[in-house]
N, C-alpha and C. Protein backbone atom coordinates (compact mmCIF):
# COMPACT_ATOMS: atom_id res chain seq x y z
N MET A 1 24.54 88.44 40.32
CA MET A 1 23.56 87.67 41.38
C MET A 1 23.72 86.34 40.99
N ARG A 2 24.68 85.74 41.27
CA ARG A 2 24.95 84.23 40.93
C ARG A 2 23.46 83.42 41.64
N GLY A 3 23.13 82.72 40.80
CA GLY A 3 21.41 81.96 41.63
C GLY A 3 21.47 80.66 41.44
N GLU A 4 21.73 79.93 42.57
CA GLU A 4 21.67 78.48 42.79
C GLU A 4 21.29 77.91 41.55
N GLY A 5 22.84 77.86 41.21
CA GLY A 5 23.04 76.95 39.77
C GLY A 5 22.09 77.11 38.86
N LYS A 6 21.60 78.45 38.77
CA LYS A 6 20.83 78.73 37.52
C LYS A 6 21.67 79.93 36.73
N ILE A 7 21.68 79.90 35.49
CA ILE A 7 22.24 81.20 34.69
C ILE A 7 21.67 82.40 34.91
N THR A 8 22.23 83.49 35.23
CA THR A 8 21.50 84.67 35.44
C THR A 8 21.70 85.49 34.09
N VAL A 9 20.58 85.79 33.62
CA VAL A 9 21.00 86.79 32.39
C VAL A 9 20.43 88.16 32.35
N LEU A 10 21.09 89.33 31.71
CA LEU A 10 20.46 90.54 31.80
C LEU A 10 20.30 90.89 29.85
N VAL A 11 19.18 91.19 29.56
CA VAL A 11 19.07 91.52 28.32
C VAL A 11 19.16 92.87 28.23
N THR A 12 19.77 93.62 27.07
CA THR A 12 19.83 94.90 26.83
C THR A 12 19.81 95.08 25.11
N ASP A 13 18.40 95.75 24.99
CA ASP A 13 18.26 96.21 23.94
C ASP A 13 17.07 97.50 23.78
N ASP A 14 17.09 98.16 23.18
CA ASP A 14 16.02 99.66 23.15
C ASP A 14 14.78 98.90 22.19
N HIS A 15 14.68 97.93 21.84
CA HIS A 15 13.53 97.63 20.93
C HIS A 15 12.67 96.71 22.27
N ALA A 16 11.87 97.15 23.14
CA ALA A 16 10.99 96.71 23.62
C ALA A 16 10.42 95.04 23.32
N MET A 17 9.61 95.27 21.97
CA MET A 17 9.28 94.09 21.74
C MET A 17 10.15 93.01 21.38
N PHE A 18 11.30 93.76 20.59
CA PHE A 18 12.34 92.30 20.65
C PHE A 18 12.81 92.18 21.95
N ALA A 19 13.08 92.84 22.94
CA ALA A 19 13.84 92.22 23.97
C ALA A 19 12.91 91.29 24.83
N GLN A 20 11.19 91.59 24.63
CA GLN A 20 10.23 90.59 25.50
C GLN A 20 10.67 89.58 24.71
N GLY A 21 10.46 89.14 23.46
CA GLY A 21 10.68 87.98 22.73
C GLY A 21 11.64 87.13 23.25
N VAL A 22 12.96 87.91 23.62
CA VAL A 22 13.86 87.19 23.82
C VAL A 22 13.94 86.80 25.56
N VAL A 23 13.40 87.43 26.11
CA VAL A 23 13.06 87.19 27.33
C VAL A 23 12.23 86.23 27.63
N ARG A 24 11.05 85.93 26.87
CA ARG A 24 10.15 84.94 26.91
C ARG A 24 10.91 83.60 26.61
N SER A 25 11.67 83.56 25.25
CA SER A 25 12.27 82.42 25.11
C SER A 25 13.34 82.13 26.04
N LEU A 26 13.54 82.84 26.94
CA LEU A 26 14.75 82.17 28.31
C LEU A 26 13.97 81.97 29.44
N GLN A 27 12.91 82.61 29.48
CA GLN A 27 11.62 81.99 30.91
C GLN A 27 11.18 80.88 30.67
N GLU A 28 11.31 80.40 29.37
CA GLU A 28 10.78 79.03 29.30
C GLU A 28 11.75 77.81 29.85
N GLU A 29 13.05 78.03 30.07
CA GLU A 29 14.09 77.22 30.35
C GLU A 29 14.07 77.29 31.87
N ASP A 30 14.38 75.87 32.38
CA ASP A 30 14.23 75.71 34.06
C ASP A 30 15.77 76.21 34.73
N ASP A 31 16.60 76.06 33.79
CA ASP A 31 18.18 76.46 34.08
C ASP A 31 18.48 78.05 33.72
N ILE A 32 17.69 79.05 33.55
CA ILE A 32 18.17 80.35 33.34
C ILE A 32 17.16 81.11 33.82
N VAL A 33 17.68 82.08 34.57
CA VAL A 33 16.68 83.54 35.25
C VAL A 33 17.12 84.74 34.59
N VAL A 34 16.23 85.37 33.87
CA VAL A 34 16.31 86.76 33.39
C VAL A 34 16.27 87.53 34.70
N VAL A 35 17.26 88.27 34.97
CA VAL A 35 17.51 89.27 36.14
C VAL A 35 17.06 90.55 36.00
N GLY A 36 17.05 90.79 34.68
CA GLY A 36 16.85 92.61 34.28
C GLY A 36 16.65 92.74 32.81
N THR A 37 16.38 93.94 32.53
CA THR A 37 16.37 94.34 30.92
C THR A 37 17.00 95.65 30.86
N ALA A 38 17.41 95.92 29.97
CA ALA A 38 17.83 97.63 29.68
C ALA A 38 17.90 98.01 28.29
N GLY A 39 17.89 99.17 28.34
CA GLY A 39 17.51 99.88 26.93
C GLY A 39 18.52 100.93 25.97
N SER A 40 19.84 100.82 27.43
CA SER A 40 20.69 101.85 26.74
C SER A 40 21.77 101.27 27.45
N VAL A 41 23.04 102.05 27.10
CA VAL A 41 24.43 101.82 27.50
C VAL A 41 24.55 101.92 28.99
N GLU A 42 24.23 103.28 29.27
CA GLU A 42 24.18 103.56 31.03
C GLU A 42 22.89 102.73 31.84
N GLU A 43 21.99 102.30 30.95
CA GLU A 43 21.08 101.40 31.97
C GLU A 43 21.59 100.05 32.35
N SER A 44 22.19 99.30 30.94
CA SER A 44 23.05 98.34 31.01
C SER A 44 23.89 97.98 31.99
N VAL A 45 24.71 99.00 31.96
CA VAL A 45 26.05 99.21 33.15
C VAL A 45 25.26 99.21 34.47
N ALA A 46 24.43 100.03 34.64
CA ALA A 46 24.04 100.05 35.90
C ALA A 46 23.22 98.89 36.23
N ALA A 47 22.55 98.09 35.81
CA ALA A 47 21.70 96.86 35.84
C ALA A 47 23.05 95.66 36.13
N ALA A 48 24.17 95.72 35.32
CA ALA A 48 25.03 94.84 35.54
C ALA A 48 25.79 94.84 36.76
N ARG A 49 25.86 96.10 37.26
CA ARG A 49 26.40 96.15 38.76
C ARG A 49 25.68 96.13 39.87
N MET A 50 24.12 95.97 39.49
CA MET A 50 23.34 95.79 40.63
C MET A 50 22.89 94.19 40.53
N HIS A 51 22.82 93.57 39.46
CA HIS A 51 22.74 92.20 39.25
C HIS A 51 24.01 91.13 39.53
N ALA A 52 25.15 91.74 38.63
CA ALA A 52 26.16 90.86 38.42
C ALA A 52 25.89 89.35 37.91
N PRO A 53 25.35 89.55 36.60
CA PRO A 53 24.65 88.47 35.60
C PRO A 53 25.66 87.53 35.35
N ASP A 54 25.27 86.39 35.23
CA ASP A 54 26.49 85.21 34.32
C ASP A 54 26.72 85.64 33.09
N VAL A 55 25.54 85.99 32.43
CA VAL A 55 25.56 86.38 31.04
C VAL A 55 24.70 87.55 30.38
N VAL A 56 25.49 88.61 29.81
CA VAL A 56 24.73 89.80 29.38
C VAL A 56 24.72 89.38 27.70
N LEU A 57 23.09 89.60 27.32
CA LEU A 57 23.26 89.77 25.65
C LEU A 57 22.71 91.34 25.46
N MET A 58 23.54 91.29 24.49
CA MET A 58 23.82 93.08 24.43
C MET A 58 23.88 93.36 22.92
N ASP A 59 22.73 94.37 22.97
CA ASP A 59 22.40 94.87 21.14
C ASP A 59 23.50 95.91 21.05
N TYR A 60 24.00 95.51 19.65
CA TYR A 60 25.08 96.30 19.26
C TYR A 60 24.54 97.82 19.00
N GLU A 61 23.54 98.33 18.59
CA GLU A 61 23.05 99.69 18.43
C GLU A 61 22.07 100.20 19.49
N LEU A 62 22.55 100.99 20.57
CA LEU A 62 22.00 101.42 21.15
C LEU A 62 21.94 102.77 21.70
N PRO A 63 20.96 103.66 21.95
CA PRO A 63 20.36 105.14 22.04
C PRO A 63 21.78 106.00 22.46
N ASP A 64 22.61 105.65 23.40
CA ASP A 64 23.56 106.31 24.12
C ASP A 64 24.94 106.08 23.61
N GLY A 65 25.16 105.20 22.55
CA GLY A 65 26.55 104.23 22.36
C GLY A 65 26.03 103.07 21.49
N THR A 66 27.26 102.42 21.81
CA THR A 66 27.04 100.81 21.01
C THR A 66 27.13 99.66 22.25
N GLY A 67 26.72 98.80 22.08
CA GLY A 67 27.05 97.58 22.64
C GLY A 67 28.51 97.61 23.14
N VAL A 68 29.39 97.68 22.37
CA VAL A 68 30.74 97.52 22.59
C VAL A 68 31.24 98.31 23.96
N ASP A 69 30.85 99.61 23.89
CA ASP A 69 30.70 100.82 24.77
C ASP A 69 30.79 100.21 26.20
N ALA A 70 29.30 99.18 26.20
CA ALA A 70 28.90 98.75 27.39
C ALA A 70 29.65 97.72 27.69
N ALA A 71 29.99 96.80 26.55
CA ALA A 71 30.71 95.59 27.18
C ALA A 71 32.15 96.04 27.82
N GLU A 72 32.76 97.11 27.48
CA GLU A 72 34.08 97.51 27.88
C GLU A 72 34.13 98.08 29.20
N ARG A 73 33.25 98.49 29.66
CA ARG A 73 32.39 99.09 31.03
C ARG A 73 32.00 97.95 31.81
N ILE A 74 31.41 97.01 31.22
CA ILE A 74 30.71 95.58 32.16
C ILE A 74 32.07 95.10 32.52
N LYS A 75 32.84 94.49 31.56
CA LYS A 75 34.06 93.75 31.41
C LYS A 75 35.06 94.24 32.65
N ALA A 76 35.28 95.60 32.54
CA ALA A 76 36.35 96.30 33.52
C ALA A 76 35.94 96.11 34.79
N GLU A 77 34.54 96.00 35.29
CA GLU A 77 34.04 96.15 36.61
C GLU A 77 33.59 94.64 36.99
N LEU A 78 33.03 93.73 35.98
CA LEU A 78 32.83 92.39 36.29
C LEU A 78 33.12 91.43 35.50
N PRO A 79 34.77 91.22 35.28
CA PRO A 79 35.27 90.58 34.31
C PRO A 79 34.86 88.90 34.07
N ASP A 80 34.21 88.27 35.11
CA ASP A 80 33.61 87.10 35.34
C ASP A 80 32.22 87.00 34.22
N THR A 81 31.80 88.24 34.35
CA THR A 81 30.38 88.03 33.46
C THR A 81 30.77 88.22 32.01
N LYS A 82 30.04 87.22 31.13
CA LYS A 82 30.21 86.77 29.75
C LYS A 82 29.19 87.83 28.92
N VAL A 83 29.48 88.28 27.75
CA VAL A 83 28.81 89.49 27.32
C VAL A 83 28.79 88.97 25.79
N VAL A 84 27.54 88.68 25.34
CA VAL A 84 27.37 88.39 23.72
C VAL A 84 26.91 89.40 23.27
N MET A 85 27.31 89.74 21.90
CA MET A 85 26.77 90.80 20.98
C MET A 85 25.51 90.20 20.15
N VAL A 86 24.67 90.77 20.40
CA VAL A 86 23.56 90.62 19.53
C VAL A 86 23.57 91.89 18.56
N THR A 87 23.83 91.11 17.01
CA THR A 87 23.95 92.44 15.92
C THR A 87 23.50 91.74 14.78
N SER A 88 22.81 93.02 13.99
CA SER A 88 22.31 92.88 12.80
C SER A 88 23.50 92.73 11.66
N TYR A 89 24.60 93.21 12.22
CA TYR A 89 25.63 93.28 11.35
C TYR A 89 26.83 92.16 11.42
N THR A 90 27.45 91.77 10.31
CA THR A 90 28.32 90.63 10.31
C THR A 90 29.52 91.55 9.92
N ASP A 91 29.79 92.77 9.91
CA ASP A 91 30.77 93.59 9.45
C ASP A 91 31.81 93.29 10.50
N GLU A 92 32.92 92.79 9.68
CA GLU A 92 34.35 92.35 10.26
C GLU A 92 34.79 93.63 11.53
N GLY A 93 34.71 94.98 11.15
CA GLY A 93 34.88 95.63 12.10
C GLY A 93 34.37 95.60 13.34
N VAL A 94 32.66 95.32 13.24
CA VAL A 94 31.93 95.40 14.57
C VAL A 94 32.63 94.46 15.25
N LEU A 95 32.76 92.99 14.81
CA LEU A 95 33.25 92.12 15.62
C LEU A 95 34.65 91.93 16.33
N VAL A 96 35.33 92.68 15.27
CA VAL A 96 36.92 92.67 15.77
C VAL A 96 36.60 93.55 17.40
N ARG A 97 35.85 94.59 17.40
CA ARG A 97 35.64 95.63 18.46
C ARG A 97 35.01 94.82 19.50
N ALA A 98 34.13 93.76 19.22
CA ALA A 98 33.47 93.12 20.12
C ALA A 98 34.50 92.07 20.85
N ILE A 99 35.21 91.39 19.99
CA ILE A 99 36.22 90.57 20.92
C ILE A 99 37.20 91.49 21.43
N GLU A 100 37.82 92.47 20.87
CA GLU A 100 38.55 93.41 22.06
C GLU A 100 38.01 93.99 23.17
N ALA A 101 36.72 93.99 22.92
CA ALA A 101 36.29 94.56 24.22
C ALA A 101 35.82 93.44 25.39
N GLY A 102 36.09 91.99 25.10
CA GLY A 102 36.08 91.08 25.79
C GLY A 102 34.68 90.13 25.92
N CYS A 103 33.87 90.49 24.66
CA CYS A 103 32.69 89.82 24.46
C CYS A 103 33.22 88.35 23.88
N SER A 104 32.37 87.36 24.59
CA SER A 104 32.51 86.08 24.33
C SER A 104 32.32 85.63 22.87
N GLY A 105 31.57 86.53 21.84
CA GLY A 105 31.15 86.04 20.71
C GLY A 105 29.66 86.76 20.48
N TYR A 106 29.20 86.38 19.29
CA TYR A 106 28.16 87.29 18.73
C TYR A 106 27.03 86.18 18.41
N VAL A 107 25.82 86.60 18.30
CA VAL A 107 24.67 86.15 17.50
C VAL A 107 23.88 87.32 16.86
N THR A 108 23.51 86.62 15.61
CA THR A 108 23.07 87.53 14.93
C THR A 108 21.64 87.68 15.18
N LYS A 109 21.22 89.13 14.68
CA LYS A 109 19.71 89.21 15.34
C LYS A 109 19.02 88.58 14.70
N HIS A 110 18.64 88.05 13.28
CA HIS A 110 17.74 87.37 12.64
C HIS A 110 17.56 85.80 13.43
N LYS A 111 18.89 85.51 13.87
CA LYS A 111 18.49 84.16 14.22
C LYS A 111 18.49 84.09 16.00
N VAL A 112 18.57 85.14 16.79
CA VAL A 112 19.07 85.18 18.28
C VAL A 112 17.69 84.38 18.74
N ILE A 113 16.41 84.55 18.27
CA ILE A 113 15.03 83.97 19.05
C ILE A 113 15.49 82.41 19.33
N GLU A 114 15.97 81.96 18.09
CA GLU A 114 16.18 80.37 17.83
C GLU A 114 17.14 79.92 18.32
N GLU A 115 18.41 80.66 18.61
CA GLU A 115 19.62 80.31 19.16
C GLU A 115 20.05 80.89 20.28
N VAL A 116 18.99 81.71 21.11
CA VAL A 116 19.61 82.53 22.42
C VAL A 116 19.75 81.45 23.27
N VAL A 117 18.94 80.42 23.66
CA VAL A 117 19.07 79.54 25.04
C VAL A 117 20.40 78.80 24.78
N SER A 118 20.78 78.44 23.43
CA SER A 118 22.21 77.63 23.29
C SER A 118 23.33 78.67 23.62
N ALA A 119 22.85 79.91 23.02
CA ALA A 119 24.15 80.81 23.05
C ALA A 119 24.43 81.29 24.78
N VAL A 120 23.47 81.28 25.45
CA VAL A 120 23.60 81.85 26.71
C VAL A 120 24.09 80.66 27.24
N ARG A 121 23.81 79.59 27.19
CA ARG A 121 24.48 78.19 28.00
C ARG A 121 25.67 78.08 27.71
N ALA A 122 26.14 77.98 26.30
CA ALA A 122 27.58 78.19 26.11
C ALA A 122 28.67 79.31 26.32
N ALA A 123 28.12 80.61 26.66
CA ALA A 123 28.57 81.42 26.95
C ALA A 123 28.81 81.52 28.55
N ALA A 124 27.78 80.98 29.14
CA ALA A 124 28.04 80.42 30.83
C ALA A 124 28.91 79.34 30.73
N ALA A 125 29.22 78.45 29.98
CA ALA A 125 30.46 77.42 30.16
C ALA A 125 31.28 78.14 29.49
N GLY A 126 31.62 79.22 29.17
CA GLY A 126 33.03 79.48 28.83
C GLY A 126 33.36 79.41 27.61
N GLU A 127 32.27 78.92 26.47
CA GLU A 127 32.83 78.80 25.31
C GLU A 127 32.69 79.91 24.59
N ALA A 128 33.27 80.02 23.27
CA ALA A 128 33.43 81.33 22.39
C ALA A 128 32.54 80.95 21.19
N LEU A 129 31.40 82.08 21.05
CA LEU A 129 30.38 81.98 20.23
C LEU A 129 30.80 82.64 18.75
N ILE A 130 31.75 81.91 18.34
CA ILE A 130 32.36 82.56 17.00
C ILE A 130 32.87 81.06 16.15
N SER A 131 32.87 81.39 14.88
CA SER A 131 33.16 80.11 13.96
C SER A 131 34.35 80.00 14.07
N PRO A 132 35.39 79.00 13.62
CA PRO A 132 36.94 79.22 13.72
C PRO A 132 37.31 80.08 12.42
N ALA A 133 36.25 79.43 11.32
CA ALA A 133 36.71 80.33 9.72
C ALA A 133 36.41 81.82 10.11
N MET A 134 35.30 82.31 10.93
CA MET A 134 35.21 84.03 11.36
C MET A 134 36.45 84.13 11.81
N LEU A 135 36.65 83.55 13.06
CA LEU A 135 37.86 84.05 13.94
C LEU A 135 39.25 84.07 13.09
N ALA A 136 39.19 83.07 12.36
CA ALA A 136 40.49 83.02 11.09
C ALA A 136 40.78 84.28 10.54
N ARG A 137 39.61 84.70 10.04
CA ARG A 137 39.28 85.70 9.16
C ARG A 137 39.56 87.20 10.00
N LEU A 138 39.39 87.30 11.19
CA LEU A 138 39.50 88.47 12.10
C LEU A 138 41.06 88.35 12.60
N LEU A 139 41.53 87.55 12.63
CA LEU A 139 42.95 87.67 13.33
C LEU A 139 43.69 88.54 12.74
N PRO A 140 43.81 88.83 11.53
CA PRO A 140 44.96 89.86 10.79
C PRO A 140 44.44 91.45 11.39
N LYS A 141 43.13 91.44 11.80
CA LYS A 141 42.42 92.91 12.08
C LYS A 141 42.66 93.22 13.41
N LEU A 142 43.04 92.36 14.50
CA LEU A 142 43.08 92.58 16.08
C LEU A 142 44.39 93.43 16.39
N ARG A 143 44.19 94.46 17.31
CA ARG A 143 45.07 95.13 17.78
C ARG A 143 46.37 94.53 17.61
N PRO A 144 47.14 95.18 17.20
CA PRO A 144 49.06 94.34 17.58
C PRO A 144 49.38 94.02 19.11
N THR A 145 49.57 93.19 19.67
CA THR A 145 50.05 92.96 20.70
C THR A 145 51.73 93.41 20.84
N LYS A 146 52.13 93.68 22.30
CA LYS A 146 53.49 93.82 22.67
C LYS A 146 54.47 92.76 21.98
N ARG A 147 55.84 93.24 21.35
CA ARG A 147 56.48 92.08 21.55
C ARG A 147 56.61 91.15 22.68
N GLY A 148 56.98 90.01 22.45
CA GLY A 148 57.03 88.86 23.88
C GLY A 148 56.24 88.53 24.41
N VAL A 149 54.66 89.10 23.97
CA VAL A 149 53.42 89.03 24.79
C VAL A 149 53.23 87.29 24.82
N GLY A 150 53.23 86.63 25.83
CA GLY A 150 52.77 85.56 25.92
C GLY A 150 54.38 84.37 26.24
N ALA A 151 55.15 85.13 25.96
CA ALA A 151 56.45 84.33 26.37
C ALA A 151 56.95 83.63 27.52
N ASP A 152 56.00 84.18 28.69
CA ASP A 152 56.01 83.55 29.91
C ASP A 152 54.78 82.39 30.17
N LEU A 153 54.19 82.03 29.01
CA LEU A 153 52.98 81.07 29.32
C LEU A 153 53.85 79.46 29.40
N THR A 154 53.32 78.97 30.55
CA THR A 154 53.86 77.56 30.68
C THR A 154 53.54 76.40 29.65
N SER A 155 54.14 75.23 29.37
CA SER A 155 53.49 74.06 28.35
C SER A 155 52.22 73.91 28.69
N ARG A 156 51.90 74.09 30.19
CA ARG A 156 50.71 73.41 30.42
C ARG A 156 49.44 74.65 30.14
N GLU A 157 49.72 75.79 30.23
CA GLU A 157 48.97 76.90 29.71
C GLU A 157 48.51 76.80 28.27
N ILE A 158 49.71 76.49 27.44
CA ILE A 158 49.87 76.55 25.84
C ILE A 158 49.06 75.03 25.66
N GLU A 159 49.05 74.28 26.29
CA GLU A 159 48.12 73.10 25.99
C GLU A 159 46.32 73.53 26.64
N VAL A 160 46.17 74.25 27.56
CA VAL A 160 45.06 74.32 27.59
C VAL A 160 44.68 75.64 26.51
N LEU A 161 45.36 76.42 26.00
CA LEU A 161 45.13 77.24 25.08
C LEU A 161 44.68 76.50 23.76
N SER A 162 45.51 75.60 23.72
CA SER A 162 44.94 74.86 22.16
C SER A 162 43.67 74.17 22.42
N LEU A 163 43.61 73.64 23.47
CA LEU A 163 42.06 73.16 23.51
C LEU A 163 41.07 74.06 23.75
N LEU A 164 41.22 75.18 24.09
CA LEU A 164 40.41 76.33 23.88
C LEU A 164 40.08 76.59 22.39
N ALA A 165 41.23 76.70 21.97
CA ALA A 165 41.29 77.19 20.43
C ALA A 165 40.54 76.05 19.73
N GLU A 166 40.31 74.84 20.12
CA GLU A 166 39.31 73.58 19.71
C GLU A 166 37.80 73.88 19.98
N GLY A 167 37.62 74.65 20.72
CA GLY A 167 36.44 74.98 21.15
C GLY A 167 35.68 74.19 22.33
N LEU A 168 36.57 73.75 23.27
CA LEU A 168 36.41 72.95 24.29
C LEU A 168 36.21 73.81 25.28
N ALA A 169 35.08 73.78 26.33
CA ALA A 169 34.87 74.20 27.58
C ALA A 169 35.67 73.86 28.69
N ASN A 170 35.47 74.63 29.55
CA ASN A 170 36.47 74.08 31.04
C ASN A 170 36.41 72.52 31.45
N GLN A 171 34.99 72.37 31.70
CA GLN A 171 34.93 71.04 31.93
C GLN A 171 35.47 69.93 31.00
N ALA A 172 35.28 70.14 29.72
CA ALA A 172 35.76 69.40 28.84
C ALA A 172 37.06 69.44 28.82
N ILE A 173 37.89 70.31 29.05
CA ILE A 173 39.55 70.48 29.19
C ILE A 173 39.73 69.70 30.38
N ALA A 174 39.33 70.01 31.77
CA ALA A 174 39.32 69.20 32.70
C ALA A 174 39.42 67.75 32.65
N ASP A 175 38.58 67.24 31.78
CA ASP A 175 38.13 65.92 31.59
C ASP A 175 39.42 64.93 30.76
N LYS A 176 39.82 66.10 29.68
CA LYS A 176 40.81 65.72 28.69
C LYS A 176 42.27 65.64 29.64
N LEU A 177 42.51 66.71 30.39
CA LEU A 177 43.91 66.59 31.10
C LEU A 177 43.59 66.23 32.59
N VAL A 178 42.63 65.48 32.77
CA VAL A 178 42.65 64.97 34.12
C VAL A 178 43.16 65.43 35.23
N ILE A 179 42.72 66.95 35.22
CA ILE A 179 42.70 67.89 36.16
C ILE A 179 41.43 68.50 36.86
N SER A 180 41.26 69.26 37.78
CA SER A 180 39.99 69.74 38.40
C SER A 180 39.48 70.92 37.33
N VAL A 181 38.12 71.29 37.05
CA VAL A 181 37.92 72.04 36.76
C VAL A 181 38.30 73.73 37.36
N HIS A 182 38.72 73.71 38.89
CA HIS A 182 39.38 74.71 39.32
C HIS A 182 40.38 75.19 38.83
N THR A 183 41.46 74.22 38.53
CA THR A 183 42.83 74.27 37.90
C THR A 183 42.75 74.79 36.69
N VAL A 184 41.47 74.46 35.69
CA VAL A 184 41.70 74.67 34.44
C VAL A 184 41.26 76.52 34.41
N ARG A 185 40.23 76.64 35.58
CA ARG A 185 39.93 78.32 35.45
C ARG A 185 41.22 78.81 35.97
N HIS A 186 42.14 78.21 37.01
CA HIS A 186 43.27 79.04 37.13
C HIS A 186 44.26 79.16 35.92
N HIS A 187 44.49 78.29 35.28
CA HIS A 187 45.02 78.22 33.87
C HIS A 187 44.77 79.51 33.13
N VAL A 188 43.51 79.05 32.71
CA VAL A 188 42.74 80.23 31.80
C VAL A 188 42.76 81.72 32.57
N GLN A 189 42.49 81.95 33.54
CA GLN A 189 42.99 83.31 34.34
C GLN A 189 44.33 83.84 33.91
N ASN A 190 45.29 82.59 34.18
CA ASN A 190 46.56 82.89 33.90
C ASN A 190 46.89 83.50 32.48
N ILE A 191 46.69 82.68 31.59
CA ILE A 191 46.64 82.79 29.96
C ILE A 191 45.97 84.23 29.80
N ILE A 192 44.85 84.53 29.98
CA ILE A 192 44.34 85.75 29.94
C ILE A 192 45.38 86.98 30.35
N THR A 193 45.90 86.86 31.48
CA THR A 193 46.51 87.96 32.05
C THR A 193 47.61 87.69 31.26
N LYS A 194 48.57 87.08 31.22
CA LYS A 194 49.79 87.02 30.42
C LYS A 194 49.77 87.53 28.89
N LEU A 195 48.61 87.11 28.19
CA LEU A 195 47.92 87.75 26.80
C LEU A 195 47.46 88.84 27.00
N GLN A 196 47.23 89.55 27.77
CA GLN A 196 46.80 90.88 28.03
C GLN A 196 45.74 90.89 27.54
N ALA A 197 44.84 89.57 27.43
CA ALA A 197 43.68 89.92 26.63
C ALA A 197 42.23 90.20 27.94
N HIS A 198 41.19 89.99 27.30
CA HIS A 198 39.88 90.53 28.25
C HIS A 198 39.02 89.29 28.04
N SER A 199 39.24 88.51 27.56
CA SER A 199 38.43 87.01 27.43
C SER A 199 39.29 85.85 26.92
N LYS A 200 38.53 84.89 27.07
CA LYS A 200 39.32 83.61 26.28
C LYS A 200 39.20 83.67 25.02
N LEU A 201 38.25 84.37 24.17
CA LEU A 201 38.17 84.31 22.78
C LEU A 201 39.26 85.56 22.53
N GLU A 202 39.78 86.48 23.03
CA GLU A 202 40.69 87.32 22.72
C GLU A 202 41.85 86.74 22.98
N ALA A 203 42.24 85.78 24.00
CA ALA A 203 43.27 85.10 24.45
C ALA A 203 43.75 84.26 23.28
N VAL A 204 43.01 83.52 22.91
CA VAL A 204 42.78 82.47 21.58
C VAL A 204 43.44 83.04 20.21
N ALA A 205 42.55 84.34 19.98
CA ALA A 205 42.90 85.08 18.93
C ALA A 205 44.30 85.80 18.84
N THR A 206 44.65 86.16 20.27
CA THR A 206 46.20 86.68 20.38
C THR A 206 47.13 85.74 20.39
N ALA A 207 46.98 84.50 20.87
CA ALA A 207 47.73 83.28 20.67
C ALA A 207 47.94 82.73 19.36
N ALA A 208 46.82 82.52 18.62
CA ALA A 208 47.10 82.23 17.21
C ALA A 208 47.68 82.98 16.28
N ARG A 209 47.74 84.63 16.81
CA ARG A 209 48.14 85.31 16.06
C ARG A 209 49.85 85.56 16.43
N GLU A 210 49.96 85.29 17.10
CA GLU A 210 51.20 85.29 17.78
C GLU A 210 52.19 83.99 17.53
N GLY A 211 51.37 83.20 16.83
CA GLY A 211 52.31 81.87 16.67
C GLY A 211 52.14 81.15 17.68
N ILE A 212 51.48 81.34 18.90
CA ILE A 212 51.66 80.35 20.07
C ILE A 212 51.09 79.05 20.11
N ILE A 213 50.12 78.91 19.12
CA ILE A 213 49.10 77.90 19.02
C ILE A 213 48.58 77.89 17.60
N ARG A 214 48.41 76.85 17.15
CA ARG A 214 47.92 76.60 15.70
C ARG A 214 46.48 76.90 15.78
N TYR A 215 46.09 77.65 14.70
CA TYR A 215 44.39 77.80 14.97
C TYR A 215 43.72 76.76 14.10
N PRO A 216 42.68 76.14 14.42
CA PRO A 216 42.24 75.37 13.49
C PRO A 216 41.96 76.02 11.95
């Protein structure tokens, strides 16, 4: 449910008090609308189907599985929805799974209240919520790709990829290359498809690992 210029958000967490705190923080912002809450994988997937939110804030530990399980299902049905993992862990295995599931990045649980608004806005704008240093650490642990993946990328797509790796959002890339945001989105979708990725973040990681671009 894309809402009249506002960012729509689904909050998924099985701890009601924590979820309420996140919702309250978001509701204070004029450009953000919380369209629902969920407390499990199944509830999150069902709510995402119903509301098609711009962003899902996803707790990692849920009663019937993990946030990664939910993210994989949501991204399969709603590829335009951005999923941000909210986790108490900085375990690299968890973060690798989140990237491979198509998540836009993560926010640590102890900082989520203070960072949630900026995280939602960044995710909605297509930015990756992970530091260059952390992504560099994770690159060797991501699933190997098929040989030759990305060989058909155009020079313009590689240029866009390099700017994504610098952390630029679509509008900033459009401004830098003097092209429309629509054209940038088209390039990004082609990049994701050609790199067999699920998100811009995974596409950047794959391109860096394959030597297509240099990662900062």
